[in-house]
Protein backbone atom coordinates (compact mmCIF):
# COMPACT_ATOMS: atom_id res chain seq x y z
CA MET A 1 -9.10 -24.35 -3.50
CA SER A 2 -11.08 -21.54 -5.40
CA VAL A 3 -13.48 -19.62 -3.67
CA ALA A 4 -16.80 -18.13 -5.05
CA LYS A 5 -16.28 -14.33 -5.16
CA LYS A 6 -19.04 -12.02 -3.97
CA ASP A 7 -19.70 -9.08 -6.29
CA TYR A 8 -18.84 -5.94 -4.26
CA LYS A 9 -20.08 -2.71 -5.81
CA ARG A 10 -18.07 -0.75 -3.34
CA ILE A 11 -15.20 -2.14 -1.09
CA THR A 12 -15.40 -1.00 2.49
CA THR A 13 -13.62 -2.06 5.64
CA LYS A 14 -16.27 -4.44 6.34
CA SER A 15 -15.95 -6.07 2.83
CA LEU A 16 -12.42 -6.99 3.74
CA ILE A 17 -13.38 -8.66 6.89
CA ASP A 18 -16.04 -10.44 5.06
CA MET A 19 -13.63 -11.57 2.49
CA LYS A 20 -11.25 -13.20 5.06
CA ALA A 21 -14.16 -14.82 6.75
CA ASN A 22 -15.30 -16.39 3.36
CA GLY A 23 -11.68 -17.32 2.31
CA GLU A 24 -11.72 -14.86 -0.55
CA LYS A 25 -8.07 -13.39 -1.10
CA ILE A 26 -7.73 -9.64 -1.04
CA SER A 27 -5.92 -7.71 -3.76
CA MET A 28 -4.23 -4.58 -3.20
CA LEU A 29 -2.11 -2.19 -5.16
CA THR A 30 -0.43 1.29 -4.75
CA ALA A 31 -1.32 4.26 -6.85
CA TYR A 32 -0.42 7.97 -6.65
CA ASP A 33 -2.23 9.81 -9.45
CA TYR A 34 -5.68 9.92 -11.18
CA THR A 35 -4.80 8.19 -14.36
CA MET A 36 -3.17 5.27 -12.86
CA ALA A 37 -5.78 4.89 -10.12
CA LYS A 38 -8.54 4.90 -12.67
CA ILE A 39 -6.99 1.93 -14.47
CA VAL A 40 -6.29 -0.07 -11.29
CA ASP A 41 -9.87 0.45 -10.08
CA THR A 42 -11.48 -0.41 -13.44
CA ALA A 43 -9.24 -3.59 -13.35
CA GLY A 44 -11.00 -4.70 -10.14
CA ILE A 45 -8.66 -4.14 -7.40
CA ASP A 46 -9.97 -4.38 -3.93
CA VAL A 47 -7.73 -1.91 -2.09
CA ILE A 48 -5.73 1.08 -3.35
CA LEU A 49 -2.87 2.14 -1.27
CA VAL A 50 -1.69 5.59 -1.50
CA GLY A 51 1.75 4.60 -0.15
CA ASP A 52 4.42 6.70 1.25
CA SER A 53 6.49 4.67 -1.41
CA ALA A 54 5.40 7.77 -3.63
CA SER A 55 8.63 9.36 -2.03
CA ASN A 56 10.71 6.65 -3.92
CA VAL A 57 8.81 6.02 -7.14
CA MET A 58 7.28 9.35 -7.71
CA ALA A 59 9.89 11.79 -6.40
CA GLY A 60 13.16 9.75 -6.68
CA HIS A 61 14.03 9.88 -2.87
CA GLU A 62 16.12 6.93 -1.51
CA THR A 63 13.72 6.30 1.31
CA THR A 64 10.07 6.97 2.29
CA LEU A 65 11.09 9.43 5.02
CA PRO A 66 11.04 12.75 2.96
CA ILE A 67 7.50 12.91 1.85
CA THR A 68 5.34 15.27 3.64
CA LEU A 69 1.79 15.18 4.97
CA ASP A 70 0.79 17.91 2.35
CA GLN A 71 2.18 15.73 -0.36
CA MET A 72 0.34 12.54 0.66
CA ILE A 73 -2.79 14.57 0.60
CA TYR A 74 -2.09 15.77 -2.85
CA HIS A 75 -1.48 12.09 -4.17
CA ALA A 76 -4.40 10.85 -2.07
CA SER A 77 -6.96 13.22 -3.38
CA SER A 78 -5.77 12.60 -7.04
CA VAL A 79 -6.54 8.96 -6.49
CA VAL A 80 -9.82 9.37 -4.82
CA ARG A 81 -11.23 11.43 -7.66
CA ALA A 82 -10.41 8.48 -9.82
CA ILE A 83 -12.01 5.43 -8.12
CA GLU A 84 -15.54 3.96 -8.06
CA ARG A 85 -15.11 0.60 -6.24
CA ALA A 86 -11.90 0.35 -4.55
CA LEU A 87 -11.07 0.99 -0.76
CA VAL A 88 -8.47 3.91 -0.66
CA VAL A 89 -6.03 3.69 2.22
CA VAL A 90 -3.49 6.43 2.84
CA ASP A 91 -0.28 6.19 4.57
CA LEU A 92 0.38 8.64 7.43
CA PRO A 93 4.07 9.77 6.57
CA PHE A 94 7.09 9.73 8.77
CA GLY A 95 6.91 12.30 11.51
CA SER A 96 3.16 12.78 11.35
CA TYR A 97 2.11 10.49 14.15
CA GLN A 98 4.86 8.80 15.98
CA SER A 99 5.54 11.31 18.98
CA ASP A 100 2.29 12.74 19.83
CA PRO A 101 -1.18 11.11 19.65
CA LYS A 102 -2.78 14.56 19.20
CA GLU A 103 -0.61 15.11 16.27
CA ALA A 104 -1.37 11.81 14.86
CA LEU A 105 -5.19 12.52 15.06
CA ARG A 106 -4.62 16.00 13.45
CA SER A 107 -2.86 14.35 10.62
CA ALA A 108 -5.53 11.54 10.12
CA ILE A 109 -8.27 14.18 10.04
CA ARG A 110 -6.44 16.26 7.41
CA ILE A 111 -5.94 13.22 5.26
CA MET A 112 -9.67 12.18 5.64
CA LYS A 113 -11.08 15.82 5.21
CA GLU A 114 -8.74 17.02 2.54
CA SER A 115 -8.20 13.95 0.27
CA GLY A 116 -11.50 12.12 0.73
CA GLY A 117 -9.58 8.81 1.59
CA HIS A 118 -11.19 6.08 3.20
CA ALA A 119 -8.68 4.79 5.93
CA VAL A 120 -5.25 5.53 7.14
CA LYS A 121 -2.18 3.18 7.56
CA LEU A 122 0.52 3.46 10.31
CA GLU A 123 3.66 1.42 10.85
CA GLY A 124 4.37 0.04 14.15
CA GLY A 125 2.87 -1.80 17.20
CA LYS A 126 2.96 -1.19 20.75
CA GLU A 127 5.15 1.90 20.50
CA ILE A 128 2.33 3.76 18.72
CA LYS A 129 -0.81 2.24 20.28
CA GLU A 130 -1.83 5.80 21.89
CA SER A 131 -1.75 7.36 18.39
CA ILE A 132 -3.98 4.50 16.91
CA LYS A 133 -6.38 4.73 19.81
CA LYS A 134 -6.80 8.42 19.24
CA ILE A 135 -7.40 8.01 15.77
CA LEU A 136 -9.99 5.27 16.02
CA ASN A 137 -11.69 7.07 18.75
CA ALA A 138 -12.35 9.77 16.21
CA GLY A 139 -13.98 7.16 14.02
CA ILE A 140 -11.16 6.92 11.40
CA PRO A 141 -10.41 3.28 10.22
CA VAL A 142 -6.84 2.27 10.87
CA MET A 143 -4.77 -0.41 8.80
CA GLY A 144 -1.61 -1.61 10.83
CA HIS A 145 1.78 -2.38 9.27
CA LEU A 146 4.32 -4.64 11.09
CA GLY A 147 7.50 -6.38 9.92
CA LEU A 148 9.83 -4.44 7.83
CA THR A 149 8.61 -0.94 8.41
CA PRO A 150 10.32 1.27 5.91
CA GLN A 151 9.85 4.54 7.84
CA SER A 152 12.24 2.82 10.63
CA ILE A 153 14.92 1.95 7.90
CA TYR A 154 17.69 3.92 9.72
CA LYS A 155 17.04 2.10 12.96
CA PHE A 156 17.02 -1.37 11.14
CA GLY A 157 19.97 -0.23 8.76
CA THR A 158 18.92 -2.81 6.13
CA TYR A 159 15.91 -3.81 4.22
CA THR A 160 16.41 -7.42 4.97
CA VAL A 161 13.76 -10.02 6.18
CA ARG A 162 12.59 -9.11 9.67
CA ALA A 163 11.52 -11.52 12.63
CA LYS A 164 13.61 -14.31 11.65
CA GLU A 165 14.80 -14.42 15.46
CA GLU A 166 12.25 -15.83 18.16
CA GLU A 167 12.29 -12.62 20.30
CA GLU A 168 11.39 -10.39 17.35
CA ALA A 169 8.88 -12.85 16.05
CA HIS A 170 7.21 -13.11 19.30
CA LYS A 171 6.82 -9.38 19.65
CA LEU A 172 5.42 -9.32 16.05
CA ILE A 173 2.68 -11.78 16.95
CA GLU A 174 1.78 -9.85 20.29
CA ASP A 175 1.71 -6.61 18.25
CA ALA A 176 -0.52 -7.97 15.82
CA LYS A 177 -2.99 -9.08 18.48
CA LEU A 178 -2.73 -5.82 20.05
CA LEU A 179 -3.62 -3.97 16.78
CA GLU A 180 -6.66 -6.21 16.50
CA ARG A 181 -7.79 -5.53 20.06
CA LEU A 182 -7.40 -1.82 19.48
CA GLY A 183 -9.70 -2.01 16.57
CA CYS A 184 -7.69 -1.92 13.38
CA PHE A 185 -9.59 -3.23 10.51
CA ALA A 186 -6.49 -5.07 8.66
CA LEU A 187 -2.92 -5.49 9.03
CA VAL A 188 0.06 -5.27 6.49
CA LEU A 189 2.93 -7.67 7.07
CA GLU A 190 6.09 -6.85 5.02
CA LYS A 191 8.95 -9.02 4.37
CA ILE A 192 8.96 -11.55 7.14
CA PRO A 193 9.24 -15.42 7.01
CA ALA A 194 6.06 -17.05 5.33
CA HIS A 195 5.44 -19.55 8.32
CA LEU A 196 5.29 -16.62 10.79
CA ALA A 197 3.00 -14.53 8.62
CA GLU A 198 0.58 -17.46 8.16
CA LYS A 199 0.68 -18.02 11.90
CA VAL A 200 -0.23 -14.42 12.42
CA ALA A 201 -3.12 -14.69 9.98
CA GLN A 202 -4.54 -17.71 11.66
CA SER A 203 -4.34 -16.15 15.11
CA ILE A 204 -6.28 -12.98 14.35
CA SER A 205 -9.70 -12.34 12.87
CA ILE A 206 -8.78 -9.08 10.75
CA PRO A 207 -7.25 -9.63 7.43
CA VAL A 208 -3.73 -9.81 6.91
CA ILE A 209 -2.31 -8.57 3.65
CA GLY A 210 1.27 -9.60 2.88
CA ILE A 211 4.34 -8.06 0.80
CA GLY A 212 6.96 -10.52 0.83
CA ALA A 213 5.20 -12.59 3.57
CA GLY A 214 4.16 -15.69 1.71
CA GLY A 215 0.87 -17.12 0.41
CA GLY A 216 -0.62 -18.06 3.73
CA VAL A 217 -1.96 -14.73 4.43
CA ASP A 218 -5.28 -13.06 3.42
CA GLY A 219 -4.28 -11.07 0.61
CA GLN A 220 -1.24 -9.45 -1.34
CA VAL A 221 -0.09 -5.93 -1.98
CA LEU A 222 2.61 -4.75 -4.53
CA VAL A 223 3.92 -1.40 -5.59
CA ILE A 224 2.27 -0.75 -8.94
CA HIS A 225 5.54 0.62 -10.70
CA ASP A 226 7.28 -2.69 -9.51
CA MET A 227 4.65 -5.16 -10.71
CA LEU A 228 4.35 -3.55 -14.13
CA GLY A 229 8.07 -3.30 -14.39
CA MET A 230 8.29 0.34 -14.81
CA ASN A 231 11.36 0.03 -12.43
CA ASN A 232 14.14 -2.23 -13.83
CA GLU A 233 16.48 -1.66 -10.91
CA PHE A 234 14.33 -3.38 -8.15
CA SER A 235 14.01 -7.07 -8.16
CA PRO A 236 13.35 -8.55 -4.68
CA ARG A 237 12.57 -12.11 -4.47
CA PHE A 238 8.74 -11.39 -3.57
CA LEU A 239 8.17 -9.44 -6.79
CA ARG A 240 6.42 -10.85 -9.65
CA ARG A 241 6.42 -8.63 -12.90
CA TYR A 242 3.38 -8.66 -14.89
CA MET A 243 4.52 -6.65 -17.54
CA ASP A 244 7.93 -4.94 -18.77
CA LEU A 245 6.72 -1.40 -19.13
CA TYR A 246 10.25 -0.02 -18.87
CA GLU A 247 11.22 -1.80 -22.22
CA GLY A 248 7.98 -1.12 -23.79
CA MET A 249 7.83 2.50 -22.93
CA THR A 250 11.49 3.14 -23.79
CA LYS A 251 11.01 1.40 -27.14
CA ALA A 252 7.87 3.51 -27.83
CA ILE A 253 9.47 6.84 -26.84
CA GLY A 254 12.49 6.06 -28.83
CA GLN A 255 10.11 5.38 -31.92
CA TYR A 256 8.33 8.69 -31.38
CA VAL A 257 11.56 10.70 -31.18
CA ALA A 258 12.81 8.82 -34.56
CA ASP A 259 9.56 9.69 -36.08
CA VAL A 260 9.64 13.39 -35.31
CA LYS A 261 13.43 13.68 -36.20
CA SER A 262 12.62 11.95 -39.71
CA SER A 263 9.40 14.08 -40.12
CA ASP A 264 7.29 10.80 -40.31
CA PHE A 265 5.22 12.24 -37.61
CA PRO A 266 2.61 13.71 -38.20
CA ASN A 267 1.66 12.08 -41.46
CA ALA A 268 -1.31 13.43 -43.63
CA ASN A 269 -3.91 11.61 -41.62
CA GLU A 270 -2.76 13.08 -38.34
CA GLN A 271 -3.10 16.92 -39.16
CA TYR A 272 -5.94 19.13 -39.83
C-alpha cells in the first residue's frame, strides 16, 4: 500500500519517528565524501550514514575495525558540508565507546563538535547501555545497531545471518526494547531473519531500518558503493544493484586512456 509522503525540508530524528507513525518507509544510504554526499542528498535520501564501512570501501581494509575516530570525523565533516536535507548519522568506530562510558561520551562529543553530524550510531545492546545513557544524557541523539554487528566480527567468526536460534533471537528483541527505553531514536537491524526483524519493528515505537532484514521493517539502508555496483566482488543475497558503475567506469577510463595514447584527446574544440 502506498503512503502519501510529507514534504520534509529538513530531516530530523523526529521526522523519522513521524514517518514510522505515518507508515512512510525511510531511505538510508552511506556516503563518505562531499561529492557523493551532494548527489545522494539531492536525490532525496532521508538519512546519510557515515559508516565505519569507510574502512572497507574507502581504505581497503578487510574489516571495519581499523578506522579511527579522527578518520570518521574527517569523512563525516566532508559529508555534512554537502547536505541540505538529509539527517547525517555517524558511526562511532571500534574502540571508541565499548569499554568506558566516559570515553564514549568524549568520542560522541568530538564527532558532533568537529564534524557537525546530527547523531551517532553504536553497535550492541545491554553490554553498552551505560555508554548509550552517557551519550544521551549529553543531548546527543543515538541510533542503535543489532544483529550482525561488524565490529564484533572476530567474536562471531563469520558474516552469516544472526539470531536464527531462539536464545539469540530473544536477546535481540530484549535489546531492541532496551534501546528504545534508553532513548535511542532509531535502530538498525543487520542480517537477521525477516520474520524476526518484522516482529521487532512491530514491538517498538522507534523506526527500525534494515540491511538484509527483509521488507517488514520501517526502512532500508545499503552501502552506496554496493548498490551502485562499484564493488563487483560483493554480492550478498540482500543487495540490489541499481547500476553497474564498475563496468561503466572501467569502460570510460579505458576509452580515456586510448584517446590520450592516440592523441584523439584533446581535439581542437577542447583546447584554448
